[in-house]
Each structure stands twice: as C-alpha cells, then as structure tokens.
N, C-alpha and C. Protein backbone atom coordinates (compact mmCIF):
# COMPACT_ATOMS: atom_id res chain seq x y z
N MET A 1 -7.23 9.54 14.96
CA MET A 1 -7.10 8.97 13.64
C MET A 1 -7.92 9.83 12.67
N ARG A 2 -7.30 10.27 11.61
CA ARG A 2 -8.00 11.09 10.63
C ARG A 2 -8.87 10.24 9.71
N VAL A 3 -8.41 9.02 9.42
CA VAL A 3 -9.17 8.11 8.56
C VAL A 3 -9.16 6.75 9.25
N SER A 4 -10.33 6.17 9.42
CA SER A 4 -10.46 4.90 10.13
C SER A 4 -10.23 3.70 9.21
N ARG A 5 -10.11 2.54 9.82
CA ARG A 5 -9.95 1.29 9.07
C ARG A 5 -11.14 1.06 8.15
N ALA A 6 -12.34 1.36 8.62
CA ALA A 6 -13.54 1.18 7.78
C ALA A 6 -13.50 2.09 6.56
N GLN A 7 -13.04 3.31 6.74
CA GLN A 7 -12.91 4.23 5.61
C GLN A 7 -11.83 3.77 4.64
N ILE A 8 -10.74 3.24 5.18
CA ILE A 8 -9.67 2.71 4.33
C ILE A 8 -10.22 1.58 3.46
N ALA A 9 -11.00 0.70 4.05
CA ALA A 9 -11.57 -0.44 3.30
C ALA A 9 -12.41 0.03 2.12
N GLY A 10 -12.97 1.22 2.19
CA GLY A 10 -13.74 1.76 1.08
C GLY A 10 -12.88 2.34 -0.03
N LEU A 11 -11.59 2.49 0.24
CA LEU A 11 -10.69 3.10 -0.73
C LEU A 11 -9.78 2.10 -1.44
N ILE A 12 -9.71 0.88 -0.94
CA ILE A 12 -8.84 -0.13 -1.53
C ILE A 12 -9.66 -1.37 -1.87
N PRO A 13 -9.14 -2.20 -2.77
CA PRO A 13 -9.91 -3.39 -3.15
C PRO A 13 -9.87 -4.53 -2.13
N HIS A 14 -9.07 -4.40 -1.08
CA HIS A 14 -8.94 -5.47 -0.09
C HIS A 14 -9.97 -5.31 1.03
N SER A 15 -10.39 -6.44 1.57
CA SER A 15 -11.35 -6.41 2.68
C SER A 15 -10.95 -7.43 3.73
N GLY A 16 -11.67 -7.39 4.84
CA GLY A 16 -11.39 -8.33 5.92
C GLY A 16 -9.97 -8.21 6.41
N ALA A 17 -9.37 -9.33 6.74
CA ALA A 17 -8.01 -9.33 7.28
C ALA A 17 -6.98 -8.84 6.27
N MET A 18 -7.32 -8.88 4.98
CA MET A 18 -6.37 -8.42 3.96
C MET A 18 -6.28 -6.90 3.90
N CYS A 19 -7.20 -6.19 4.52
CA CYS A 19 -7.08 -4.74 4.69
C CYS A 19 -6.13 -4.56 5.87
N LEU A 20 -4.87 -4.27 5.58
CA LEU A 20 -3.81 -4.35 6.57
C LEU A 20 -3.64 -3.10 7.43
N LEU A 21 -4.10 -1.96 6.96
CA LEU A 21 -3.89 -0.70 7.67
C LEU A 21 -5.02 -0.43 8.65
N ASP A 22 -4.66 0.08 9.83
CA ASP A 22 -5.67 0.40 10.85
C ASP A 22 -6.13 1.84 10.78
N GLY A 23 -5.31 2.72 10.24
CA GLY A 23 -5.72 4.11 10.18
C GLY A 23 -4.72 4.99 9.47
N VAL A 24 -5.18 6.18 9.12
CA VAL A 24 -4.33 7.21 8.54
C VAL A 24 -4.17 8.30 9.60
N VAL A 25 -2.94 8.57 9.96
CA VAL A 25 -2.64 9.56 10.97
C VAL A 25 -2.64 10.95 10.35
N GLN A 26 -2.04 11.08 9.18
CA GLN A 26 -2.04 12.35 8.46
C GLN A 26 -1.80 12.11 6.99
N TRP A 27 -2.27 13.06 6.19
CA TRP A 27 -2.03 13.01 4.75
C TRP A 27 -2.19 14.40 4.17
N ASP A 28 -1.54 14.62 3.03
CA ASP A 28 -1.72 15.84 2.27
C ASP A 28 -1.64 15.47 0.79
N ALA A 29 -1.54 16.44 -0.07
CA ALA A 29 -1.57 16.19 -1.51
C ALA A 29 -0.44 15.29 -1.98
N ASN A 30 0.67 15.24 -1.24
CA ASN A 30 1.83 14.49 -1.71
C ASN A 30 2.28 13.33 -0.82
N SER A 31 1.69 13.19 0.34
CA SER A 31 2.19 12.15 1.24
C SER A 31 1.10 11.62 2.16
N ILE A 32 1.41 10.48 2.77
CA ILE A 32 0.48 9.85 3.71
C ILE A 32 1.29 9.15 4.79
N LEU A 33 0.73 9.13 6.00
CA LEU A 33 1.33 8.44 7.14
C LEU A 33 0.24 7.55 7.73
N CYS A 34 0.44 6.25 7.65
CA CYS A 34 -0.54 5.27 8.14
C CYS A 34 0.07 4.49 9.29
N MET A 35 -0.82 3.83 10.04
CA MET A 35 -0.35 2.95 11.10
C MET A 35 -1.12 1.65 11.06
N SER A 36 -0.48 0.64 11.63
CA SER A 36 -1.11 -0.68 11.67
C SER A 36 -0.57 -1.48 12.85
N ARG A 37 -1.41 -2.34 13.35
CA ARG A 37 -1.01 -3.32 14.36
C ARG A 37 -1.15 -4.74 13.81
N SER A 38 -1.60 -4.86 12.57
CA SER A 38 -1.87 -6.19 12.01
C SER A 38 -0.61 -7.02 11.81
N HIS A 39 0.57 -6.40 11.85
CA HIS A 39 1.80 -7.16 11.71
C HIS A 39 2.00 -8.12 12.88
N ARG A 40 1.31 -7.89 14.00
CA ARG A 40 1.41 -8.76 15.16
C ARG A 40 0.31 -9.82 15.21
N ALA A 41 -0.69 -9.68 14.36
CA ALA A 41 -1.85 -10.59 14.40
C ALA A 41 -1.47 -11.99 13.93
N VAL A 42 -1.85 -12.98 14.71
CA VAL A 42 -1.54 -14.36 14.34
C VAL A 42 -2.32 -14.82 13.11
N ASP A 43 -3.44 -14.13 12.80
CA ASP A 43 -4.23 -14.49 11.63
C ASP A 43 -3.94 -13.60 10.42
N ASN A 44 -2.82 -12.88 10.45
CA ASN A 44 -2.45 -12.04 9.31
C ASN A 44 -2.33 -12.95 8.08
N PRO A 45 -3.05 -12.64 6.99
CA PRO A 45 -3.05 -13.52 5.83
C PRO A 45 -1.71 -13.59 5.09
N LEU A 46 -0.78 -12.72 5.40
CA LEU A 46 0.53 -12.75 4.75
C LEU A 46 1.55 -13.59 5.51
N ARG A 47 1.17 -14.10 6.67
CA ARG A 47 2.09 -14.94 7.45
C ARG A 47 2.37 -16.25 6.72
N THR A 48 3.60 -16.68 6.84
CA THR A 48 4.02 -17.97 6.30
C THR A 48 4.80 -18.69 7.39
N GLY A 49 4.39 -19.91 7.70
CA GLY A 49 5.08 -20.66 8.75
C GLY A 49 5.05 -19.96 10.09
N GLY A 50 3.96 -19.24 10.36
CA GLY A 50 3.82 -18.55 11.63
C GLY A 50 4.60 -17.26 11.74
N ARG A 51 5.24 -16.84 10.66
CA ARG A 51 6.05 -15.62 10.68
C ARG A 51 5.58 -14.65 9.60
N LEU A 52 5.78 -13.36 9.85
CA LEU A 52 5.48 -12.35 8.84
C LEU A 52 6.81 -11.75 8.39
N LEU A 53 7.20 -12.09 7.18
CA LEU A 53 8.47 -11.62 6.65
C LEU A 53 8.41 -10.12 6.39
N ALA A 54 9.52 -9.45 6.62
CA ALA A 54 9.58 -8.00 6.46
C ALA A 54 9.28 -7.57 5.03
N VAL A 55 9.62 -8.38 4.06
CA VAL A 55 9.35 -8.04 2.66
C VAL A 55 7.84 -7.90 2.39
N CYS A 56 7.01 -8.48 3.24
CA CYS A 56 5.56 -8.31 3.13
C CYS A 56 5.15 -6.86 3.38
N GLY A 57 6.07 -6.09 3.92
CA GLY A 57 5.82 -4.67 4.10
C GLY A 57 5.54 -3.94 2.80
N ILE A 58 5.95 -4.53 1.69
CA ILE A 58 5.65 -3.93 0.39
C ILE A 58 4.14 -3.86 0.19
N GLU A 59 3.40 -4.85 0.64
CA GLU A 59 1.94 -4.81 0.52
C GLU A 59 1.36 -3.72 1.42
N TYR A 60 1.92 -3.54 2.60
CA TYR A 60 1.48 -2.44 3.46
C TYR A 60 1.69 -1.10 2.75
N ALA A 61 2.87 -0.94 2.15
CA ALA A 61 3.17 0.30 1.44
C ALA A 61 2.24 0.48 0.25
N ALA A 62 1.96 -0.59 -0.49
CA ALA A 62 1.06 -0.50 -1.65
C ALA A 62 -0.34 -0.07 -1.21
N GLN A 63 -0.80 -0.58 -0.08
CA GLN A 63 -2.12 -0.18 0.41
C GLN A 63 -2.11 1.29 0.84
N ALA A 64 -1.02 1.75 1.44
CA ALA A 64 -0.93 3.16 1.81
C ALA A 64 -0.96 4.04 0.57
N MET A 65 -0.29 3.63 -0.50
CA MET A 65 -0.30 4.38 -1.75
C MET A 65 -1.71 4.44 -2.33
N ALA A 66 -2.42 3.32 -2.28
CA ALA A 66 -3.79 3.28 -2.80
C ALA A 66 -4.71 4.18 -1.99
N VAL A 67 -4.57 4.16 -0.68
CA VAL A 67 -5.37 5.03 0.17
C VAL A 67 -5.05 6.49 -0.15
N HIS A 68 -3.77 6.81 -0.30
CA HIS A 68 -3.40 8.17 -0.63
C HIS A 68 -4.03 8.61 -1.95
N GLY A 69 -3.98 7.75 -2.95
CA GLY A 69 -4.58 8.09 -4.24
C GLY A 69 -6.06 8.39 -4.11
N GLY A 70 -6.75 7.59 -3.32
CA GLY A 70 -8.18 7.81 -3.10
C GLY A 70 -8.46 9.09 -2.33
N LEU A 71 -7.69 9.34 -1.29
CA LEU A 71 -7.90 10.53 -0.47
C LEU A 71 -7.53 11.81 -1.19
N ALA A 72 -6.44 11.78 -1.91
CA ALA A 72 -5.94 12.99 -2.57
C ALA A 72 -6.66 13.26 -3.89
N GLY A 73 -7.53 12.33 -4.32
CA GLY A 73 -8.28 12.54 -5.55
C GLY A 73 -7.45 12.39 -6.80
N LYS A 74 -6.31 11.77 -6.66
CA LYS A 74 -5.42 11.61 -7.82
C LYS A 74 -6.01 10.67 -8.87
N VAL A 75 -6.89 9.79 -8.43
CA VAL A 75 -7.45 8.83 -9.37
C VAL A 75 -8.90 9.15 -9.70
N GLY A 76 -9.46 10.17 -9.11
CA GLY A 76 -10.80 10.65 -9.44
C GLY A 76 -11.91 9.69 -9.11
N GLY A 77 -12.96 10.16 -8.45
CA GLY A 77 -14.15 9.37 -8.18
C GLY A 77 -13.86 8.05 -7.52
N ARG A 78 -14.49 7.02 -8.04
CA ARG A 78 -14.27 5.67 -7.52
C ARG A 78 -12.82 5.28 -7.79
N PRO A 79 -12.13 4.78 -6.78
CA PRO A 79 -10.72 4.45 -6.98
C PRO A 79 -10.53 3.47 -8.13
N ARG A 80 -9.59 3.79 -8.99
CA ARG A 80 -9.22 2.89 -10.08
C ARG A 80 -8.22 1.88 -9.56
N ALA A 81 -8.15 0.77 -10.23
CA ALA A 81 -7.17 -0.24 -9.87
C ALA A 81 -5.77 0.28 -10.19
N GLY A 82 -4.84 -0.05 -9.34
CA GLY A 82 -3.44 0.26 -9.58
C GLY A 82 -2.65 -1.02 -9.57
N TYR A 83 -1.68 -1.08 -10.42
CA TYR A 83 -0.86 -2.29 -10.53
C TYR A 83 0.58 -1.93 -10.22
N LEU A 84 1.16 -2.61 -9.26
CA LEU A 84 2.55 -2.39 -8.90
C LEU A 84 3.40 -2.87 -10.06
N ALA A 85 4.00 -1.94 -10.79
CA ALA A 85 4.74 -2.29 -12.01
C ALA A 85 6.22 -2.54 -11.74
N SER A 86 6.80 -1.78 -10.80
CA SER A 86 8.22 -2.01 -10.49
C SER A 86 8.55 -1.48 -9.11
N LEU A 87 9.59 -2.04 -8.57
CA LEU A 87 10.16 -1.61 -7.29
C LEU A 87 11.63 -1.29 -7.53
N ARG A 88 12.11 -0.23 -6.90
CA ARG A 88 13.52 0.14 -7.02
C ARG A 88 14.07 0.48 -5.65
N ASP A 89 15.37 0.30 -5.53
CA ASP A 89 16.10 0.69 -4.32
C ASP A 89 15.45 0.15 -3.04
N VAL A 90 14.91 -1.05 -3.09
CA VAL A 90 14.28 -1.63 -1.91
C VAL A 90 15.38 -2.09 -0.95
N GLU A 91 15.27 -1.63 0.29
CA GLU A 91 16.19 -2.04 1.35
C GLU A 91 15.37 -2.65 2.47
N CYS A 92 15.58 -3.92 2.68
CA CYS A 92 14.89 -4.65 3.74
C CYS A 92 15.90 -4.84 4.87
N ARG A 93 15.64 -4.23 6.00
CA ARG A 93 16.61 -4.20 7.09
C ARG A 93 16.37 -5.25 8.16
N ARG A 94 15.32 -6.02 8.03
CA ARG A 94 15.00 -7.07 9.00
C ARG A 94 14.48 -8.29 8.24
N ASP A 95 14.55 -9.45 8.88
CA ASP A 95 14.00 -10.66 8.29
C ASP A 95 12.49 -10.74 8.46
N ARG A 96 12.01 -10.29 9.60
CA ARG A 96 10.59 -10.40 9.91
C ARG A 96 10.12 -9.20 10.71
N ILE A 97 8.77 -9.03 10.76
CA ILE A 97 8.23 -7.89 11.50
C ILE A 97 7.22 -8.29 12.56
N ASP A 98 6.80 -9.54 12.58
CA ASP A 98 5.80 -9.97 13.57
C ASP A 98 6.37 -9.98 14.98
N ASP A 99 7.67 -9.91 15.11
CA ASP A 99 8.30 -9.93 16.42
C ASP A 99 8.57 -8.53 16.98
N LEU A 100 8.15 -7.49 16.26
CA LEU A 100 8.36 -6.12 16.70
C LEU A 100 7.16 -5.61 17.47
N GLU A 101 7.38 -5.15 18.70
CA GLU A 101 6.33 -4.56 19.52
C GLU A 101 6.04 -3.16 19.02
N GLY A 102 4.81 -2.71 19.16
CA GLY A 102 4.47 -1.35 18.79
C GLY A 102 3.80 -1.27 17.44
N GLU A 103 3.41 -0.05 17.08
CA GLU A 103 2.69 0.17 15.84
C GLU A 103 3.64 0.23 14.65
N LEU A 104 3.22 -0.39 13.57
CA LEU A 104 3.94 -0.30 12.31
C LEU A 104 3.53 1.01 11.65
N VAL A 105 4.51 1.85 11.35
CA VAL A 105 4.25 3.13 10.70
C VAL A 105 4.63 2.99 9.23
N VAL A 106 3.69 3.35 8.36
CA VAL A 106 3.89 3.23 6.92
C VAL A 106 3.81 4.64 6.33
N GLU A 107 4.91 5.07 5.72
CA GLU A 107 4.97 6.40 5.11
C GLU A 107 5.12 6.23 3.60
N ALA A 108 4.39 7.04 2.84
CA ALA A 108 4.54 7.04 1.39
C ALA A 108 4.50 8.48 0.91
N GLU A 109 5.41 8.80 0.01
CA GLU A 109 5.49 10.15 -0.56
C GLU A 109 5.46 10.05 -2.07
N GLN A 110 4.52 10.74 -2.67
CA GLN A 110 4.42 10.75 -4.13
C GLN A 110 5.52 11.67 -4.67
N VAL A 111 6.35 11.13 -5.57
CA VAL A 111 7.43 11.93 -6.13
C VAL A 111 7.18 12.34 -7.57
N ALA A 112 6.27 11.65 -8.25
CA ALA A 112 5.93 12.00 -9.63
C ALA A 112 4.60 11.35 -9.98
N ALA A 113 3.88 12.00 -10.91
CA ALA A 113 2.61 11.44 -11.36
C ALA A 113 2.22 12.05 -12.69
N ASP A 114 1.58 11.23 -13.51
CA ASP A 114 0.88 11.73 -14.68
C ASP A 114 -0.46 11.02 -14.67
N GLY A 115 -1.23 11.07 -15.67
CA GLY A 115 -2.56 10.46 -15.63
C GLY A 115 -2.57 8.95 -15.51
N ALA A 116 -1.48 8.29 -15.85
CA ALA A 116 -1.47 6.83 -15.88
C ALA A 116 -0.46 6.17 -14.95
N HIS A 117 0.45 6.96 -14.39
CA HIS A 117 1.52 6.40 -13.55
C HIS A 117 1.72 7.26 -12.32
N VAL A 118 2.10 6.62 -11.24
CA VAL A 118 2.45 7.33 -10.01
C VAL A 118 3.70 6.67 -9.44
N ILE A 119 4.64 7.49 -9.01
CA ILE A 119 5.85 6.98 -8.36
C ILE A 119 5.83 7.45 -6.90
N TYR A 120 6.02 6.50 -6.00
CA TYR A 120 6.06 6.78 -4.57
C TYR A 120 7.37 6.28 -3.97
N ARG A 121 7.89 7.03 -3.01
CA ARG A 121 8.91 6.52 -2.10
C ARG A 121 8.16 6.04 -0.87
N PHE A 122 8.61 4.95 -0.27
CA PHE A 122 7.95 4.43 0.92
C PHE A 122 8.96 4.03 1.97
N ARG A 123 8.48 4.02 3.22
CA ARG A 123 9.31 3.63 4.36
C ARG A 123 8.41 3.02 5.42
N LEU A 124 8.85 1.93 6.02
CA LEU A 124 8.14 1.29 7.12
C LEU A 124 9.07 1.23 8.32
N ARG A 125 8.49 1.48 9.50
CA ARG A 125 9.27 1.41 10.73
C ARG A 125 8.36 1.06 11.89
N VAL A 126 8.96 0.55 12.92
CA VAL A 126 8.28 0.33 14.20
C VAL A 126 9.14 1.04 15.23
N GLY A 127 8.60 2.12 15.79
CA GLY A 127 9.40 2.95 16.69
C GLY A 127 10.60 3.49 15.93
N GLU A 128 11.78 3.27 16.48
CA GLU A 128 13.02 3.73 15.84
C GLU A 128 13.63 2.66 14.93
N VAL A 129 12.98 1.52 14.81
CA VAL A 129 13.50 0.41 14.01
C VAL A 129 13.03 0.55 12.56
N ASP A 130 13.97 0.84 11.66
CA ASP A 130 13.65 0.87 10.23
C ASP A 130 13.49 -0.55 9.74
N VAL A 131 12.42 -0.79 8.99
CA VAL A 131 12.12 -2.13 8.52
C VAL A 131 12.39 -2.26 7.02
N LEU A 132 11.84 -1.33 6.24
CA LEU A 132 11.83 -1.48 4.79
C LEU A 132 11.68 -0.11 4.16
N SER A 133 12.34 0.10 3.02
CA SER A 133 12.16 1.34 2.27
C SER A 133 12.40 1.04 0.80
N GLY A 134 11.94 1.95 -0.04
CA GLY A 134 12.15 1.78 -1.47
C GLY A 134 11.30 2.75 -2.27
N GLN A 135 11.20 2.45 -3.55
CA GLN A 135 10.42 3.28 -4.46
C GLN A 135 9.58 2.35 -5.33
N ALA A 136 8.35 2.77 -5.59
CA ALA A 136 7.42 1.94 -6.37
C ALA A 136 6.82 2.74 -7.52
N LEU A 137 6.68 2.09 -8.65
CA LEU A 137 5.95 2.64 -9.78
C LEU A 137 4.61 1.92 -9.85
N VAL A 138 3.54 2.70 -9.80
CA VAL A 138 2.18 2.15 -9.90
C VAL A 138 1.59 2.60 -11.22
N VAL A 139 1.06 1.64 -11.98
CA VAL A 139 0.36 1.94 -13.23
C VAL A 139 -1.12 1.90 -12.92
N LEU A 140 -1.81 2.99 -13.24
CA LEU A 140 -3.24 3.07 -12.99
C LEU A 140 -4.02 2.53 -14.17
N ASP A 141 -5.11 1.87 -13.88
CA ASP A 141 -5.98 1.30 -14.90
C ASP A 141 -6.82 2.43 -15.49
N ILE A 142 -6.47 2.86 -16.67
CA ILE A 142 -7.16 3.97 -17.33
C ILE A 142 -8.48 3.52 -17.93
N ALA A 143 -8.52 2.33 -18.50
CA ALA A 143 -9.70 1.86 -19.21
C ALA A 143 -10.82 1.42 -18.28
N GLY A 144 -10.53 1.21 -17.01
CA GLY A 144 -11.58 0.82 -16.08
C GLY A 144 -11.73 -0.66 -15.89
N GLY A 145 -10.82 -1.45 -16.38
CA GLY A 145 -10.92 -2.88 -16.16
C GLY A 145 -9.89 -3.63 -16.98
N PRO A 146 -9.68 -4.89 -16.64
CA PRO A 146 -8.71 -5.68 -17.38
C PRO A 146 -9.20 -5.95 -18.79
N ARG A 147 -8.27 -6.04 -19.70
CA ARG A 147 -8.58 -6.31 -21.09
C ARG A 147 -8.05 -7.66 -21.48
N ASN A 148 -8.81 -8.40 -22.22
CA ASN A 148 -8.36 -9.69 -22.72
C ASN A 148 -7.80 -9.45 -24.11
N VAL A 149 -6.48 -9.44 -24.24
CA VAL A 149 -5.85 -9.12 -25.52
C VAL A 149 -5.95 -10.25 -26.52
N SER A 150 -6.39 -11.41 -26.10
CA SER A 150 -6.49 -12.54 -27.04
C SER A 150 -7.81 -12.55 -27.80
N GLN A 151 -8.73 -11.67 -27.44
CA GLN A 151 -10.01 -11.63 -28.12
C GLN A 151 -9.87 -11.09 -29.53
N GLU A 152 -10.67 -11.65 -30.44
CA GLU A 152 -10.70 -11.15 -31.80
C GLU A 152 -11.43 -9.82 -31.82
N PRO A 153 -11.01 -8.89 -32.68
CA PRO A 153 -11.73 -7.63 -32.78
C PRO A 153 -13.15 -7.85 -33.30
N ALA A 154 -14.09 -7.00 -32.88
CA ALA A 154 -15.47 -7.09 -33.33
C ALA A 154 -15.54 -6.79 -34.83
N LYS A 155 -16.41 -7.54 -35.55
CA LYS A 155 -16.54 -7.32 -37.00
C LYS A 155 -17.82 -6.63 -37.32
C-alpha cells in the first residue's frame, strides 16, 4: 500500500468508520487507484436496512477524489473543502455492494481543473464486476470556509 488508511484520514474531513478507503494502491498527477473492504463491514455508516446500496459508491469515489487532491497538491497545503456540485453519466450496474466478495477498487481520473473546480471520471468495481461509474464536478472552497450570505455587510 502506498498510502495507508491513517494517512488517508489526514487528507479528508471524514474520520472513524466514515473514512471508507483502506488504502491507495497507486496515484500520479492525474489519477488515483484506491481499495477498500469497508463495503462488507456490518457497521458501515452508509448501510440502510442492513444493506449497502451501490449508489453509496459515489461517496467512495468522492473520498478518492479528495485523497487525490491532497496527494497531488492540487489544493495546496492543508486540504481545502470540496463540494460535490454535479454528477453526470452515472451508471449504477448493481443494486447493492455489501454482497460482493473481495476488495472494492475505486478509480478516479482528473479530466479538467482550474483553481476552483475539478472534474473527475470515476469507476468502482469488485474483481471483474463493474459496480458504478460516472463523472463528478467538485467545487473547491477558495475562501477557506463557509460564508453566511444573510449577514449584513460591516459598516
């Protein structure tokens, strides 16, 4: 493993069981390949009714994108918050993933970026079983924190 679960937890805002990725197998300036076994965990926080729906793979992909941003230095220094702004061409090929044996492989490839936006293609699979794929637009927090637009301007 090139990057451990503990190192991943330092790159994303999630902790504990909500840190879904177990490791980074490989990464470069434009892509990342992660793996996880948490899709089989009975205490996975994304489970509903004892099942983990395949669409929850979007959160796995989002975490892989965040890890990539931190590792590749695309967001500079301390990782900035990213907000999933849109999803396109999402294809969910299974109803659930908790019933799949083996490691969940999460791939993300950056296809475009500027200082405030990043577009990634993503794919999740277990062995030869394709689970989910699509494209995501992530908006990076440039100002360093949420803004309350209802506040009156300072006088």
